[in-house]
N, C-alpha and C. Protein backbone atom coordinates (compact mmCIF):
# COMPACT_ATOMS: atom_id res chain seq x y z
N MET A 1 -26.19 10.33 -3.54
CA MET A 1 -25.82 10.07 -2.16
C MET A 1 -27.02 10.39 -1.28
N THR A 2 -27.37 9.47 -0.40
CA THR A 2 -28.50 9.69 0.50
C THR A 2 -28.08 10.61 1.63
N SER A 3 -29.09 11.17 2.32
CA SER A 3 -28.77 12.06 3.44
C SER A 3 -28.10 11.29 4.57
N LEU A 4 -28.42 9.99 4.71
CA LEU A 4 -27.78 9.16 5.74
C LEU A 4 -26.29 9.01 5.44
N GLU A 5 -25.96 8.70 4.15
CA GLU A 5 -24.55 8.57 3.76
C GLU A 5 -23.82 9.89 3.96
N SER A 6 -24.47 10.99 3.58
CA SER A 6 -23.86 12.30 3.72
C SER A 6 -23.57 12.61 5.19
N GLY A 7 -24.52 12.28 6.06
CA GLY A 7 -24.32 12.50 7.49
C GLY A 7 -23.19 11.66 8.05
N THR A 8 -23.09 10.40 7.58
CA THR A 8 -22.01 9.52 8.03
C THR A 8 -20.67 10.04 7.55
N ASP A 9 -20.64 10.50 6.29
CA ASP A 9 -19.40 11.04 5.73
C ASP A 9 -18.97 12.30 6.48
N HIS A 10 -19.93 13.15 6.78
CA HIS A 10 -19.61 14.38 7.51
C HIS A 10 -19.09 14.04 8.90
N ALA A 11 -19.68 13.04 9.56
CA ALA A 11 -19.22 12.62 10.89
C ALA A 11 -17.81 12.04 10.81
N ALA A 12 -17.52 11.26 9.76
CA ALA A 12 -16.18 10.69 9.59
C ALA A 12 -15.15 11.78 9.38
N LEU A 13 -15.51 12.77 8.58
CA LEU A 13 -14.60 13.89 8.32
C LEU A 13 -14.36 14.70 9.59
N ALA A 14 -15.42 14.94 10.35
CA ALA A 14 -15.29 15.68 11.62
C ALA A 14 -14.43 14.89 12.60
N ALA A 15 -14.59 13.57 12.63
CA ALA A 15 -13.78 12.73 13.52
C ALA A 15 -12.31 12.80 13.12
N PHE A 16 -12.03 12.79 11.81
CA PHE A 16 -10.65 12.88 11.35
C PHE A 16 -10.02 14.20 11.76
N VAL A 17 -10.77 15.29 11.62
CA VAL A 17 -10.26 16.61 12.02
C VAL A 17 -10.01 16.65 13.52
N ARG A 18 -10.87 16.02 14.31
CA ARG A 18 -10.64 15.96 15.77
C ARG A 18 -9.37 15.19 16.09
N ILE A 19 -9.13 14.10 15.36
CA ILE A 19 -7.92 13.29 15.58
C ILE A 19 -6.68 14.12 15.25
N ALA A 20 -6.74 14.85 14.14
CA ALA A 20 -5.61 15.69 13.74
C ALA A 20 -5.42 16.85 14.71
N GLY A 21 -6.52 17.28 15.31
CA GLY A 21 -6.49 18.47 16.16
C GLY A 21 -6.95 19.66 15.33
N ARG A 22 -7.96 20.35 15.79
CA ARG A 22 -8.52 21.46 15.00
C ARG A 22 -7.47 22.53 14.69
N ASP A 23 -6.61 22.84 15.67
CA ASP A 23 -5.56 23.84 15.43
C ASP A 23 -4.58 23.36 14.37
N CYS A 24 -4.15 22.10 14.50
CA CYS A 24 -3.20 21.52 13.53
C CYS A 24 -3.81 21.53 12.13
N TRP A 25 -5.07 21.11 12.02
CA TRP A 25 -5.76 21.07 10.73
C TRP A 25 -5.91 22.48 10.14
N GLY A 26 -6.32 23.42 10.96
CA GLY A 26 -6.47 24.80 10.50
C GLY A 26 -5.16 25.40 10.03
N LYS A 27 -4.08 25.17 10.79
CA LYS A 27 -2.77 25.69 10.40
C LYS A 27 -2.31 25.06 9.09
N ARG A 28 -2.60 23.76 8.93
CA ARG A 28 -2.19 23.08 7.70
C ARG A 28 -2.92 23.67 6.49
N LEU A 29 -4.21 23.87 6.62
CA LEU A 29 -4.97 24.43 5.50
C LEU A 29 -4.51 25.84 5.17
N SER A 30 -4.19 26.63 6.19
CA SER A 30 -3.66 27.98 5.96
C SER A 30 -2.32 27.92 5.23
N ALA A 31 -1.45 27.01 5.67
CA ALA A 31 -0.14 26.86 5.04
C ALA A 31 -0.29 26.41 3.58
N LEU A 32 -1.23 25.50 3.32
CA LEU A 32 -1.45 25.06 1.95
C LEU A 32 -1.98 26.20 1.08
N GLY A 33 -2.82 27.05 1.66
CA GLY A 33 -3.31 28.22 0.93
C GLY A 33 -2.18 29.15 0.54
N VAL A 34 -1.25 29.36 1.46
CA VAL A 34 -0.08 30.21 1.17
C VAL A 34 0.76 29.56 0.08
N MET A 35 1.00 28.24 0.19
CA MET A 35 1.81 27.53 -0.81
C MET A 35 1.16 27.62 -2.19
N ALA A 36 -0.15 27.48 -2.24
CA ALA A 36 -0.86 27.48 -3.53
C ALA A 36 -0.79 28.83 -4.21
N ARG A 37 -0.58 29.91 -3.45
CA ARG A 37 -0.52 31.26 -4.02
C ARG A 37 0.90 31.73 -4.30
N GLN A 38 1.90 30.89 -4.07
CA GLN A 38 3.29 31.32 -4.22
C GLN A 38 3.66 31.63 -5.66
N GLY A 39 3.12 30.92 -6.58
CA GLY A 39 3.43 31.14 -7.98
C GLY A 39 2.71 30.09 -8.80
N GLN A 40 2.66 30.31 -10.10
CA GLN A 40 1.91 29.40 -10.97
C GLN A 40 2.41 27.96 -10.86
N PHE A 41 3.70 27.75 -11.01
CA PHE A 41 4.25 26.39 -11.01
C PHE A 41 4.33 25.82 -9.60
N THR A 42 4.83 26.62 -8.66
CA THR A 42 4.96 26.17 -7.27
C THR A 42 3.59 25.87 -6.68
N GLY A 43 2.62 26.72 -6.97
CA GLY A 43 1.27 26.52 -6.46
C GLY A 43 0.64 25.24 -6.99
N ARG A 44 0.81 25.00 -8.29
CA ARG A 44 0.26 23.79 -8.89
C ARG A 44 0.93 22.55 -8.29
N ALA A 45 2.24 22.60 -8.09
CA ALA A 45 2.95 21.47 -7.50
C ALA A 45 2.47 21.21 -6.08
N ALA A 46 2.25 22.27 -5.31
CA ALA A 46 1.74 22.11 -3.93
C ALA A 46 0.34 21.51 -3.94
N GLN A 47 -0.49 21.92 -4.88
CA GLN A 47 -1.84 21.36 -4.96
C GLN A 47 -1.80 19.88 -5.30
N GLN A 48 -0.87 19.48 -6.17
CA GLN A 48 -0.75 18.07 -6.51
C GLN A 48 -0.21 17.26 -5.34
N ARG A 49 0.82 17.78 -4.70
CA ARG A 49 1.45 17.05 -3.59
C ARG A 49 0.50 16.87 -2.41
N HIS A 50 -0.29 17.86 -2.14
CA HIS A 50 -1.17 17.83 -0.96
C HIS A 50 -2.64 17.67 -1.35
N ALA A 51 -2.88 16.94 -2.43
CA ALA A 51 -4.25 16.77 -2.94
C ALA A 51 -5.17 16.12 -1.91
N ALA A 52 -4.67 15.18 -1.13
CA ALA A 52 -5.54 14.50 -0.15
C ALA A 52 -6.07 15.48 0.89
N GLU A 53 -5.19 16.32 1.43
CA GLU A 53 -5.64 17.31 2.42
C GLU A 53 -6.63 18.30 1.80
N LEU A 54 -6.33 18.73 0.57
CA LEU A 54 -7.20 19.69 -0.09
C LEU A 54 -8.57 19.09 -0.40
N MET A 55 -8.59 17.81 -0.78
CA MET A 55 -9.88 17.14 -1.02
C MET A 55 -10.70 17.07 0.26
N LEU A 56 -10.06 16.68 1.35
CA LEU A 56 -10.79 16.60 2.62
C LEU A 56 -11.32 17.97 3.03
N SER A 57 -10.55 19.00 2.79
CA SER A 57 -10.99 20.35 3.12
C SER A 57 -12.21 20.75 2.29
N ARG A 58 -12.16 20.44 0.99
CA ARG A 58 -13.29 20.78 0.11
C ARG A 58 -14.56 20.04 0.51
N LEU A 59 -14.42 18.85 1.06
CA LEU A 59 -15.59 18.03 1.40
C LEU A 59 -16.25 18.42 2.71
N SER A 60 -15.79 19.49 3.33
CA SER A 60 -16.34 19.86 4.64
C SER A 60 -17.78 20.36 4.58
N GLY A 61 -18.24 20.77 3.42
CA GLY A 61 -19.62 21.24 3.29
C GLY A 61 -20.54 20.15 2.74
N PRO A 62 -21.81 20.14 3.14
CA PRO A 62 -22.73 19.11 2.68
C PRO A 62 -22.94 19.10 1.16
N GLU A 63 -22.89 20.28 0.52
CA GLU A 63 -23.05 20.34 -0.93
C GLU A 63 -21.89 19.64 -1.62
N ALA A 64 -20.68 19.87 -1.13
CA ALA A 64 -19.50 19.24 -1.72
C ALA A 64 -19.54 17.74 -1.51
N LEU A 65 -20.00 17.30 -0.35
CA LEU A 65 -20.12 15.86 -0.10
C LEU A 65 -21.09 15.22 -1.08
N ALA A 66 -22.18 15.90 -1.39
CA ALA A 66 -23.17 15.36 -2.31
C ALA A 66 -22.62 15.25 -3.73
N ARG A 67 -21.68 16.13 -4.09
CA ARG A 67 -21.11 16.12 -5.44
C ARG A 67 -19.79 15.38 -5.52
N ALA A 68 -19.36 14.74 -4.45
CA ALA A 68 -18.05 14.10 -4.42
C ALA A 68 -17.92 13.03 -5.49
N GLY A 69 -16.80 13.06 -6.19
CA GLY A 69 -16.51 12.05 -7.21
C GLY A 69 -15.75 10.88 -6.60
N THR A 70 -15.35 9.96 -7.44
CA THR A 70 -14.65 8.76 -6.98
C THR A 70 -13.37 9.07 -6.21
N PRO A 71 -12.49 9.96 -6.70
CA PRO A 71 -11.27 10.25 -5.93
C PRO A 71 -11.57 10.81 -4.54
N GLU A 72 -12.52 11.73 -4.47
CA GLU A 72 -12.87 12.32 -3.17
C GLU A 72 -13.45 11.26 -2.23
N LYS A 73 -14.28 10.37 -2.77
CA LYS A 73 -14.88 9.32 -1.94
C LYS A 73 -13.81 8.37 -1.41
N ARG A 74 -12.79 8.10 -2.23
CA ARG A 74 -11.70 7.22 -1.76
C ARG A 74 -10.91 7.88 -0.63
N VAL A 75 -10.58 9.14 -0.80
CA VAL A 75 -9.85 9.85 0.25
C VAL A 75 -10.69 9.92 1.52
N LEU A 76 -11.97 10.16 1.36
CA LEU A 76 -12.88 10.19 2.51
C LEU A 76 -12.95 8.82 3.19
N GLN A 77 -12.91 7.76 2.40
CA GLN A 77 -12.92 6.40 2.97
C GLN A 77 -11.66 6.18 3.82
N PHE A 78 -10.51 6.66 3.35
CA PHE A 78 -9.29 6.53 4.14
C PHE A 78 -9.42 7.29 5.46
N ALA A 79 -9.97 8.50 5.40
CA ALA A 79 -10.18 9.29 6.62
C ALA A 79 -11.13 8.57 7.56
N ARG A 80 -12.16 7.94 7.00
CA ARG A 80 -13.12 7.18 7.81
C ARG A 80 -12.42 5.99 8.50
N GLU A 81 -11.53 5.32 7.76
CA GLU A 81 -10.78 4.19 8.33
C GLU A 81 -9.88 4.65 9.48
N VAL A 82 -9.26 5.81 9.32
CA VAL A 82 -8.43 6.37 10.39
C VAL A 82 -9.30 6.63 11.62
N ALA A 83 -10.48 7.20 11.41
CA ALA A 83 -11.39 7.50 12.53
C ALA A 83 -11.85 6.22 13.23
N ARG A 84 -12.16 5.19 12.44
CA ARG A 84 -12.57 3.90 13.03
C ARG A 84 -11.43 3.29 13.84
N LEU A 85 -10.24 3.33 13.27
CA LEU A 85 -9.09 2.76 13.97
C LEU A 85 -8.82 3.53 15.26
N ASP A 86 -8.90 4.85 15.20
CA ASP A 86 -8.69 5.67 16.39
C ASP A 86 -9.69 5.31 17.48
N ALA A 87 -10.94 5.08 17.10
CA ALA A 87 -11.97 4.72 18.08
C ALA A 87 -11.71 3.34 18.69
N ALA A 88 -11.08 2.45 17.92
CA ALA A 88 -10.82 1.09 18.41
C ALA A 88 -9.56 1.01 19.27
N LEU A 89 -8.66 1.97 19.13
CA LEU A 89 -7.40 1.95 19.87
C LEU A 89 -7.54 2.70 21.19
N SER A 90 -6.58 2.46 22.06
CA SER A 90 -6.53 3.21 23.32
C SER A 90 -5.08 3.40 23.73
N GLY A 91 -4.87 4.28 24.68
CA GLY A 91 -3.55 4.49 25.27
C GLY A 91 -2.46 4.86 24.27
N ASP A 92 -1.33 4.15 24.39
CA ASP A 92 -0.16 4.43 23.55
C ASP A 92 -0.45 4.22 22.07
N ALA A 93 -1.26 3.20 21.75
CA ALA A 93 -1.56 2.93 20.34
C ALA A 93 -2.31 4.10 19.71
N ARG A 94 -3.28 4.63 20.42
CA ARG A 94 -4.02 5.78 19.90
C ARG A 94 -3.09 6.99 19.78
N ALA A 95 -2.22 7.17 20.75
CA ALA A 95 -1.26 8.29 20.70
C ALA A 95 -0.34 8.15 19.49
N ARG A 96 0.11 6.92 19.19
CA ARG A 96 0.97 6.71 18.01
C ARG A 96 0.23 7.06 16.72
N LEU A 97 -1.04 6.66 16.64
CA LEU A 97 -1.83 6.98 15.44
C LEU A 97 -1.97 8.50 15.29
N ARG A 98 -2.25 9.17 16.37
CA ARG A 98 -2.43 10.63 16.30
C ARG A 98 -1.13 11.34 15.94
N VAL A 99 -0.01 10.82 16.43
CA VAL A 99 1.29 11.38 16.05
C VAL A 99 1.51 11.18 14.55
N MET A 100 1.11 10.01 14.05
CA MET A 100 1.24 9.72 12.63
C MET A 100 0.39 10.68 11.78
N VAL A 101 -0.83 10.94 12.22
CA VAL A 101 -1.70 11.87 11.50
C VAL A 101 -1.08 13.26 11.50
N ARG A 102 -0.65 13.73 12.66
CA ARG A 102 -0.09 15.09 12.76
C ARG A 102 1.23 15.21 12.01
N ALA A 103 2.01 14.13 11.97
CA ALA A 103 3.26 14.16 11.20
C ALA A 103 2.96 14.31 9.71
N GLY A 104 1.86 13.72 9.25
CA GLY A 104 1.46 13.86 7.85
C GLY A 104 0.95 15.24 7.50
N LEU A 105 0.69 16.04 8.52
CA LEU A 105 0.18 17.40 8.30
C LEU A 105 1.23 18.46 8.62
N ALA A 106 2.48 18.06 8.69
CA ALA A 106 3.56 18.99 9.05
C ALA A 106 4.53 19.17 7.88
N GLY A 107 4.92 20.39 7.64
CA GLY A 107 5.95 20.69 6.64
C GLY A 107 5.63 20.14 5.26
N GLU A 108 6.60 19.47 4.67
CA GLU A 108 6.45 18.90 3.33
C GLU A 108 5.77 17.53 3.35
N ALA A 109 5.51 16.99 4.53
CA ALA A 109 4.89 15.66 4.64
C ALA A 109 3.47 15.68 4.10
N THR A 110 2.95 14.49 3.81
CA THR A 110 1.57 14.35 3.33
C THR A 110 0.88 13.24 4.11
N LEU A 111 -0.40 13.08 3.87
CA LEU A 111 -1.18 12.01 4.50
C LEU A 111 -1.05 10.69 3.74
N ILE A 112 -0.34 10.68 2.64
CA ILE A 112 -0.26 9.49 1.79
C ILE A 112 0.31 8.27 2.53
N PRO A 113 1.40 8.38 3.32
CA PRO A 113 1.87 7.18 4.03
C PRO A 113 0.80 6.59 4.96
N LEU A 114 0.07 7.43 5.66
CA LEU A 114 -1.00 6.97 6.55
C LEU A 114 -2.12 6.32 5.74
N PHE A 115 -2.53 6.96 4.67
CA PHE A 115 -3.61 6.41 3.84
C PHE A 115 -3.16 5.12 3.14
N HIS A 116 -1.88 5.01 2.82
CA HIS A 116 -1.33 3.77 2.25
C HIS A 116 -1.46 2.63 3.26
N LEU A 117 -1.17 2.92 4.52
CA LEU A 117 -1.33 1.92 5.58
C LEU A 117 -2.79 1.47 5.67
N MET A 118 -3.72 2.43 5.65
CA MET A 118 -5.15 2.10 5.73
C MET A 118 -5.59 1.27 4.53
N ARG A 119 -5.11 1.62 3.35
CA ARG A 119 -5.49 0.89 2.13
C ARG A 119 -4.92 -0.52 2.15
N THR A 120 -3.68 -0.67 2.58
CA THR A 120 -3.06 -1.99 2.64
C THR A 120 -3.82 -2.89 3.60
N ALA A 121 -4.21 -2.35 4.75
CA ALA A 121 -4.99 -3.13 5.72
C ALA A 121 -6.35 -3.51 5.14
N ALA A 122 -7.00 -2.58 4.46
CA ALA A 122 -8.32 -2.86 3.87
C ALA A 122 -8.22 -3.93 2.79
N LEU A 123 -7.19 -3.86 1.95
CA LEU A 123 -7.01 -4.87 0.91
C LEU A 123 -6.75 -6.25 1.52
N ALA A 124 -5.97 -6.30 2.58
CA ALA A 124 -5.71 -7.59 3.25
C ALA A 124 -7.01 -8.16 3.82
N ARG A 125 -7.83 -7.32 4.42
CA ARG A 125 -9.13 -7.77 4.94
C ARG A 125 -10.02 -8.31 3.83
N LEU A 126 -10.04 -7.62 2.69
CA LEU A 126 -10.84 -8.07 1.55
C LEU A 126 -10.39 -9.44 1.04
N ARG A 127 -9.12 -9.74 1.22
CA ARG A 127 -8.57 -11.03 0.77
C ARG A 127 -8.69 -12.11 1.85
N GLY A 128 -9.40 -11.79 2.92
CA GLY A 128 -9.68 -12.79 3.95
C GLY A 128 -8.68 -12.86 5.09
N PHE A 129 -7.79 -11.90 5.19
CA PHE A 129 -6.80 -11.89 6.27
C PHE A 129 -7.35 -11.17 7.49
N ALA A 130 -6.95 -11.64 8.65
CA ALA A 130 -7.16 -10.89 9.89
C ALA A 130 -5.99 -9.92 9.98
N VAL A 131 -6.27 -8.67 10.31
CA VAL A 131 -5.24 -7.63 10.31
C VAL A 131 -5.03 -7.11 11.72
N ARG A 132 -3.76 -7.03 12.12
CA ARG A 132 -3.39 -6.45 13.41
C ARG A 132 -2.38 -5.34 13.15
N PHE A 133 -2.64 -4.17 13.70
CA PHE A 133 -1.76 -3.00 13.51
C PHE A 133 -0.64 -3.04 14.56
N CYS A 134 0.35 -3.90 14.34
CA CYS A 134 1.44 -4.09 15.32
C CYS A 134 2.28 -2.84 15.52
N GLY A 135 2.49 -2.08 14.46
CA GLY A 135 3.28 -0.85 14.58
C GLY A 135 2.65 0.12 15.56
N LEU A 136 1.33 0.22 15.51
CA LEU A 136 0.62 1.12 16.42
C LEU A 136 0.42 0.49 17.79
N LEU A 137 0.03 -0.78 17.81
CA LEU A 137 -0.30 -1.44 19.08
C LEU A 137 0.93 -1.70 19.94
N ASP A 138 2.01 -2.18 19.30
CA ASP A 138 3.18 -2.62 20.06
C ASP A 138 4.43 -1.79 19.79
N GLY A 139 4.36 -0.86 18.85
CA GLY A 139 5.56 -0.12 18.48
C GLY A 139 6.53 -0.99 17.70
N ALA A 140 6.02 -2.03 17.03
CA ALA A 140 6.86 -2.97 16.28
C ALA A 140 7.48 -2.28 15.07
N THR A 141 8.52 -2.91 14.52
CA THR A 141 9.18 -2.34 13.34
C THR A 141 8.36 -2.55 12.07
N HIS A 142 7.44 -3.51 12.10
CA HIS A 142 6.54 -3.70 10.96
C HIS A 142 5.19 -3.06 11.30
N ASP A 143 4.45 -2.71 10.27
CA ASP A 143 3.19 -1.99 10.48
C ASP A 143 2.02 -2.92 10.76
N LEU A 144 1.94 -4.00 10.00
CA LEU A 144 0.78 -4.89 10.09
C LEU A 144 1.23 -6.34 10.26
N LEU A 145 0.40 -7.11 10.93
CA LEU A 145 0.54 -8.56 10.96
C LEU A 145 -0.75 -9.09 10.36
N ILE A 146 -0.63 -9.77 9.21
CA ILE A 146 -1.82 -10.32 8.58
C ILE A 146 -1.79 -11.84 8.74
N THR A 147 -2.95 -12.41 9.06
CA THR A 147 -3.04 -13.85 9.35
C THR A 147 -4.24 -14.44 8.63
N ARG A 148 -4.03 -15.64 8.08
CA ARG A 148 -5.13 -16.39 7.47
C ARG A 148 -4.76 -17.86 7.44
N GLU A 149 -5.67 -18.71 7.89
CA GLU A 149 -5.51 -20.16 7.87
C GLU A 149 -4.18 -20.60 8.47
N GLY A 150 -3.81 -20.03 9.59
CA GLY A 150 -2.60 -20.43 10.29
C GLY A 150 -1.31 -19.82 9.77
N ALA A 151 -1.36 -19.15 8.63
CA ALA A 151 -0.16 -18.49 8.09
C ALA A 151 -0.23 -17.01 8.42
N SER A 152 0.94 -16.44 8.68
CA SER A 152 0.96 -15.01 8.98
C SER A 152 2.14 -14.35 8.27
N ALA A 153 2.01 -13.05 8.07
CA ALA A 153 3.07 -12.27 7.43
C ALA A 153 3.14 -10.90 8.08
N GLU A 154 4.36 -10.42 8.24
CA GLU A 154 4.58 -9.07 8.74
C GLU A 154 4.67 -8.15 7.52
N VAL A 155 3.94 -7.05 7.55
CA VAL A 155 3.89 -6.14 6.41
C VAL A 155 4.42 -4.78 6.85
N VAL A 156 5.36 -4.27 6.07
CA VAL A 156 5.89 -2.92 6.29
C VAL A 156 5.37 -2.05 5.16
N CYS A 157 4.72 -0.97 5.50
CA CYS A 157 4.15 -0.05 4.50
C CYS A 157 5.06 1.16 4.38
N CYS A 158 5.72 1.27 3.25
CA CYS A 158 6.61 2.41 3.02
C CYS A 158 6.09 3.23 1.85
N ALA A 159 6.14 4.51 1.99
CA ALA A 159 5.83 5.41 0.88
C ALA A 159 7.12 6.11 0.51
N VAL A 160 7.48 6.05 -0.76
CA VAL A 160 8.72 6.64 -1.22
C VAL A 160 8.39 7.86 -2.06
N SER A 161 9.09 8.94 -1.80
CA SER A 161 8.87 10.17 -2.56
C SER A 161 9.54 10.08 -3.92
N ALA A 162 8.91 10.64 -4.92
CA ALA A 162 9.50 10.71 -6.25
C ALA A 162 10.71 11.64 -6.25
N GLU A 163 10.87 12.42 -5.19
CA GLU A 163 12.00 13.35 -5.08
C GLU A 163 13.29 12.64 -4.67
N GLU A 164 13.18 11.44 -4.11
CA GLU A 164 14.36 10.71 -3.66
C GLU A 164 15.29 10.46 -4.85
N GLY A 165 16.54 10.80 -4.69
CA GLY A 165 17.53 10.55 -5.73
C GLY A 165 17.61 11.62 -6.81
N ARG A 166 16.74 12.58 -6.79
CA ARG A 166 16.82 13.66 -7.79
C ARG A 166 17.94 14.62 -7.40
N LYS A 167 18.67 15.07 -8.39
CA LYS A 167 19.72 16.04 -8.12
C LYS A 167 19.11 17.41 -7.86
N LEU A 168 17.96 17.67 -8.47
CA LEU A 168 17.28 18.95 -8.28
C LEU A 168 15.85 18.65 -7.84
N HIS A 169 15.50 19.11 -6.67
CA HIS A 169 14.16 18.91 -6.12
C HIS A 169 13.14 19.64 -7.00
N ARG A 170 12.01 18.98 -7.28
CA ARG A 170 10.99 19.59 -8.14
C ARG A 170 10.51 20.93 -7.59
N GLY A 171 10.39 21.03 -6.27
CA GLY A 171 9.95 22.28 -5.66
C GLY A 171 10.90 23.42 -5.99
N ASP A 172 12.21 23.13 -5.96
CA ASP A 172 13.20 24.15 -6.31
C ASP A 172 13.10 24.54 -7.79
N TRP A 173 12.86 23.54 -8.64
CA TRP A 173 12.70 23.81 -10.07
C TRP A 173 11.48 24.70 -10.32
N PHE A 174 10.36 24.38 -9.68
CA PHE A 174 9.15 25.17 -9.87
C PHE A 174 9.33 26.59 -9.33
N ASN A 175 10.06 26.72 -8.25
CA ASN A 175 10.35 28.05 -7.70
C ASN A 175 11.15 28.87 -8.70
N LEU A 176 12.16 28.24 -9.32
CA LEU A 176 12.96 28.92 -10.35
C LEU A 176 12.08 29.32 -11.54
N MET A 177 11.20 28.41 -11.96
CA MET A 177 10.32 28.70 -13.09
C MET A 177 9.37 29.86 -12.77
N ASP A 178 8.87 29.90 -11.54
CA ASP A 178 7.99 31.00 -11.15
C ASP A 178 8.72 32.34 -11.23
N ARG A 179 10.01 32.32 -10.90
CA ARG A 179 10.78 33.57 -10.95
C ARG A 179 11.10 33.98 -12.38
N MET A 180 11.38 33.00 -13.24
CA MET A 180 11.78 33.28 -14.62
C MET A 180 10.60 33.51 -15.55
N TYR A 181 9.49 32.89 -15.29
CA TYR A 181 8.38 32.84 -16.24
C TYR A 181 7.89 34.21 -16.72
N PRO A 182 7.67 35.18 -15.83
CA PRO A 182 7.20 36.49 -16.34
C PRO A 182 8.18 37.12 -17.32
N GLU A 183 9.48 37.05 -17.02
CA GLU A 183 10.49 37.61 -17.91
C GLU A 183 10.56 36.83 -19.21
N LEU A 184 10.46 35.51 -19.09
CA LEU A 184 10.51 34.66 -20.27
C LEU A 184 9.31 34.94 -21.18
N GLN A 185 8.15 35.11 -20.60
CA GLN A 185 6.94 35.43 -21.37
C GLN A 185 7.10 36.76 -22.11
N THR A 186 7.65 37.74 -21.43
CA THR A 186 7.87 39.05 -22.04
C THR A 186 8.85 38.94 -23.20
N TRP A 187 9.94 38.20 -22.99
CA TRP A 187 10.95 38.03 -24.04
C TRP A 187 10.36 37.30 -25.24
N LEU A 188 9.61 36.23 -24.99
CA LEU A 188 9.01 35.46 -26.09
C LEU A 188 8.03 36.32 -26.89
N ALA A 189 7.27 37.16 -26.21
CA ALA A 189 6.32 38.04 -26.90
C ALA A 189 7.05 39.08 -27.76
N ALA A 190 8.20 39.54 -27.28
CA ALA A 190 8.97 40.55 -28.01
C ALA A 190 9.77 39.94 -29.17
N HIS A 191 10.01 38.65 -29.14
CA HIS A 191 10.81 37.97 -30.16
C HIS A 191 10.04 36.79 -30.74
N PRO A 192 8.93 37.02 -31.40
CA PRO A 192 8.14 35.90 -31.90
C PRO A 192 8.89 35.12 -32.98
N GLY A 193 8.91 33.81 -32.82
CA GLY A 193 9.52 32.94 -33.81
C GLY A 193 11.02 32.85 -33.77
N ARG A 194 11.71 33.66 -33.01
CA ARG A 194 13.18 33.67 -33.01
C ARG A 194 13.77 32.60 -32.10
N TYR A 195 12.95 31.95 -31.33
CA TYR A 195 13.47 30.96 -30.39
C TYR A 195 13.38 29.56 -30.96
N LEU A 196 12.88 29.40 -32.19
CA LEU A 196 12.77 28.06 -32.78
C LEU A 196 14.03 27.66 -33.48
């Protein structure tokens, strides 16, 4: 990675943090740190669920940017697209985008729905479509209007959680495992081979 690319990436990351709000971003990273230390299983699940935020946080230093792999570069590209879109929008549309970013940084939410929107728009552009962010610009029920050669389509970008429809939420399961695991480990060590 050249120093020019590194500088551009750092600027894109800084712009994304400004859009999120420095306080909001800082609180989110603190909350993720607490979640990651809750227990072996719960912490690992939190790291997986919030991988995008954690990647962006790790990339804040120039050394990390220079060593960024393909997954980190993709997440950084999504953050860059959000920053570009924010710069192109104004008024209510910009406010809607910022609400969307902050909503992705609250509670159990993630940035994945926002990044899915950015990726869908980028893929449509690569396929020769003109892309309009109607959901942000007009508050429309669809997210994008893509147009090419006189044909247009309304696109709704939905992200569905793997937790939907589960009788037992994975987070609750991991919490239970974190509570049981030390006792289970002790029992297994005291009773070798008896559990088979």
